[in-house]
Amino acid sequence: MKPLTLMLVALVAALPAQAQEQPSAEAIERFNALPEAKKQELREKLKAFKAMPPEERERVRANWERFKAMPPEERERVRENFKAFSRLSPQERADLRERMQEVRRLDPEQRRELRERLRNWIRENPERREQLRENLQRWRQLNDEQKQQLRERLRERRRP
């Protein structure tokens, strides 16, 4: 499934499990206050959501419930991650999705070991962690052409 925007998730979460209930007056008011282009975008996303298989829709709803149950600082971290993801180029998003699929295909023990190794590496290398953050900031400031040039240079370095 392609990642959904937080707005879509919020809209979907407001939907009743059995589409018999009506949205709250507050939700209707917020929707009506949106620009027409945003309303149309949300209508299209809702249509795409309704076209999903039921188990996929349920997974989206469960994720939204999990998000709402998070402490505020964790919700903010998720929002920041989402913003960072949104700033990626389409190719970078596709690459990241592919990597995440690879991680999901690992068995639970392998995923646990991977998370633990990453945590240990970050804990043991605070100076590298800060360098990674700085590099990420610089990366985000590059335009698509500069990013592509850098990718090509890195690929050349990896070649034997």
Protein backbone atom coordinates (compact mmCIF):
# COMPACT_ATOMS: atom_id res chain seq x y z
CA MET A 1 0.00 0.00 0.00
CA LYS A 2 1.23 3.50 -0.74
CA PRO A 3 1.65 5.64 2.37
CA LEU A 4 -1.36 7.77 3.21
CA THR A 5 -1.21 11.31 4.41
CA LEU A 6 -2.07 12.06 8.01
CA MET A 7 -5.03 13.98 6.70
CA LEU A 8 -6.39 10.89 4.98
CA VAL A 9 -5.81 8.81 8.06
CA ALA A 10 -7.59 11.40 10.17
CA LEU A 11 -10.47 11.48 7.74
CA VAL A 12 -10.66 7.70 7.63
CA ALA A 13 -10.46 7.39 11.39
CA ALA A 14 -13.43 9.70 11.66
CA LEU A 15 -15.41 7.30 9.50
CA PRO A 16 -17.59 4.93 11.43
CA ALA A 17 -16.74 1.23 11.18
CA GLN A 18 -20.22 0.67 9.79
CA ALA A 19 -20.85 3.68 7.57
CA GLN A 20 -24.18 4.29 9.33
CA GLU A 21 -23.11 7.14 11.63
CA GLN A 22 -22.77 10.70 10.41
CA PRO A 23 -19.61 12.80 10.89
CA SER A 24 -19.64 15.19 13.82
CA ALA A 25 -20.69 18.81 13.34
CA GLU A 26 -17.09 19.81 14.16
CA ALA A 27 -15.71 17.53 11.42
CA ILE A 28 -18.20 18.93 8.91
CA GLU A 29 -17.27 22.48 9.90
CA ARG A 30 -13.53 21.78 9.50
CA PHE A 31 -14.13 20.18 6.12
CA ASN A 32 -16.30 23.06 4.91
CA ALA A 33 -13.60 25.56 5.93
CA LEU A 34 -11.05 23.92 3.61
CA PRO A 35 -10.26 25.33 0.17
CA GLU A 36 -12.12 23.57 -2.64
CA ALA A 37 -8.92 22.00 -4.02
CA LYS A 38 -8.18 20.43 -0.62
CA LYS A 39 -11.76 19.16 -0.34
CA GLN A 40 -11.45 17.52 -3.76
CA GLU A 41 -8.11 15.96 -2.78
CA LEU A 42 -9.70 14.51 0.36
CA ARG A 43 -12.68 13.20 -1.60
CA GLU A 44 -10.31 11.41 -3.96
CA LYS A 45 -8.34 9.94 -1.06
CA LEU A 46 -11.55 8.79 0.58
CA LYS A 47 -12.58 7.15 -2.68
CA ALA A 48 -9.19 5.39 -2.85
CA PHE A 49 -9.59 4.31 0.78
CA LYS A 50 -13.03 2.85 0.10
CA ALA A 51 -11.58 0.97 -2.89
CA MET A 52 -9.04 -0.79 -0.64
CA PRO A 53 -9.67 -4.36 0.44
CA PRO A 54 -11.43 -4.51 3.84
CA GLU A 55 -8.34 -5.87 5.62
CA GLU A 56 -6.27 -2.96 4.30
CA ARG A 57 -8.87 -0.43 5.48
CA GLU A 58 -8.89 -2.10 8.88
CA ARG A 59 -5.08 -1.87 9.03
CA VAL A 60 -5.28 1.88 8.33
CA ARG A 61 -7.90 2.32 11.06
CA ALA A 62 -5.81 0.30 13.53
CA ASN A 63 -2.75 2.42 12.73
CA TRP A 64 -4.76 5.56 13.36
CA GLU A 65 -5.96 4.22 16.71
CA ARG A 66 -2.36 3.39 17.62
CA PHE A 67 -1.32 6.92 16.64
CA LYS A 68 -4.05 8.50 18.78
CA ALA A 69 -2.95 6.38 21.76
CA MET A 70 0.67 7.58 21.56
CA PRO A 71 2.03 10.15 23.99
CA PRO A 72 2.12 13.66 22.47
CA GLU A 73 5.92 13.68 22.06
CA GLU A 74 5.82 10.40 20.13
CA ARG A 75 2.98 11.66 17.92
CA GLU A 76 5.14 14.72 17.19
CA ARG A 77 8.07 12.47 16.27
CA VAL A 78 5.81 10.54 13.88
CA ARG A 79 4.60 13.82 12.33
CA GLU A 80 8.21 14.98 11.85
CA ASN A 81 9.11 11.65 10.23
CA PHE A 82 6.11 11.99 7.96
CA LYS A 83 7.14 15.52 6.96
CA ALA A 84 10.65 14.29 6.22
CA PHE A 85 9.22 11.44 4.11
CA SER A 86 7.03 13.91 2.23
CA ARG A 87 10.09 15.97 1.31
CA LEU A 88 11.78 12.97 -0.33
CA SER A 89 11.77 12.66 -4.09
CA PRO A 90 9.50 9.99 -5.61
CA GLN A 91 12.56 7.80 -6.24
CA GLU A 92 13.76 8.16 -2.66
CA ARG A 93 10.31 7.25 -1.38
CA ALA A 94 10.23 4.20 -3.62
CA ASP A 95 13.69 3.18 -2.39
CA LEU A 96 12.64 3.62 1.22
CA ARG A 97 9.44 1.62 0.67
CA GLU A 98 11.50 -1.15 -0.88
CA ARG A 99 13.87 -1.20 2.11
CA MET A 100 10.91 -1.30 4.49
CA GLN A 101 9.44 -4.25 2.57
CA GLU A 102 12.75 -6.03 2.99
CA VAL A 103 12.63 -5.39 6.74
CA ARG A 104 9.02 -6.57 6.94
CA ARG A 105 9.98 -9.82 5.23
CA LEU A 106 12.44 -10.58 8.02
CA ASP A 107 11.15 -12.89 10.68
CA PRO A 108 10.38 -11.25 14.05
CA GLU A 109 13.66 -12.38 15.61
CA GLN A 110 15.69 -10.94 12.73
CA ARG A 111 13.81 -7.62 12.99
CA ARG A 112 14.43 -7.52 16.74
CA GLU A 113 18.15 -8.16 16.17
CA LEU A 114 18.29 -5.47 13.49
CA ARG A 115 16.63 -2.91 15.80
CA GLU A 116 18.95 -3.86 18.64
CA ARG A 117 22.06 -3.53 16.45
CA LEU A 118 20.91 -0.12 15.25
CA ARG A 119 20.22 1.07 18.82
CA ASN A 120 23.63 -0.19 19.94
CA TRP A 121 25.37 1.48 17.02
CA ILE A 122 23.67 4.80 17.78
CA ARG A 123 24.49 4.49 21.49
CA GLU A 124 28.12 3.58 20.80
CA ASN A 125 28.68 6.24 18.14
CA PRO A 126 27.21 9.52 19.37
CA GLU A 127 29.62 11.54 17.22
CA ARG A 128 28.60 9.58 14.11
CA ARG A 129 24.96 10.01 15.04
CA GLU A 130 25.40 13.78 15.08
CA GLN A 131 27.30 13.61 11.80
CA LEU A 132 24.42 11.62 10.29
CA ARG A 133 21.97 14.30 11.42
CA GLU A 134 24.09 17.04 9.90
CA ASN A 135 24.45 15.10 6.66
CA LEU A 136 20.71 14.57 6.54
CA GLN A 137 20.13 18.30 6.98
CA ARG A 138 22.53 19.06 4.11
CA TRP A 139 20.89 16.36 1.96
CA ARG A 140 17.46 17.88 2.47
CA GLN A 141 18.76 21.23 1.19
CA LEU A 142 19.98 19.74 -2.10
CA ASN A 143 17.82 19.91 -5.20
CA ASP A 144 16.90 16.71 -7.09
CA GLU A 145 19.72 17.11 -9.61
CA GLN A 146 22.33 17.54 -6.87
CA LYS A 147 20.98 14.50 -5.04
CA GLN A 148 21.16 12.41 -8.20
CA GLN A 149 24.76 13.50 -8.83
CA LEU A 150 25.70 12.57 -5.29
CA ARG A 151 24.02 9.16 -5.63
CA GLU A 152 26.00 8.49 -8.78
CA ARG A 153 29.28 9.44 -7.09
CA LEU A 154 28.49 7.12 -4.18
CA ARG A 155 27.69 4.25 -6.55
CA GLU A 156 31.02 4.80 -8.31
CA ARG A 157 32.84 4.61 -4.97
CA ARG A 158 31.21 1.27 -4.16
CA ARG A 159 32.27 -0.31 -7.43
CA PRO A 160 35.37 -2.53 -7.12
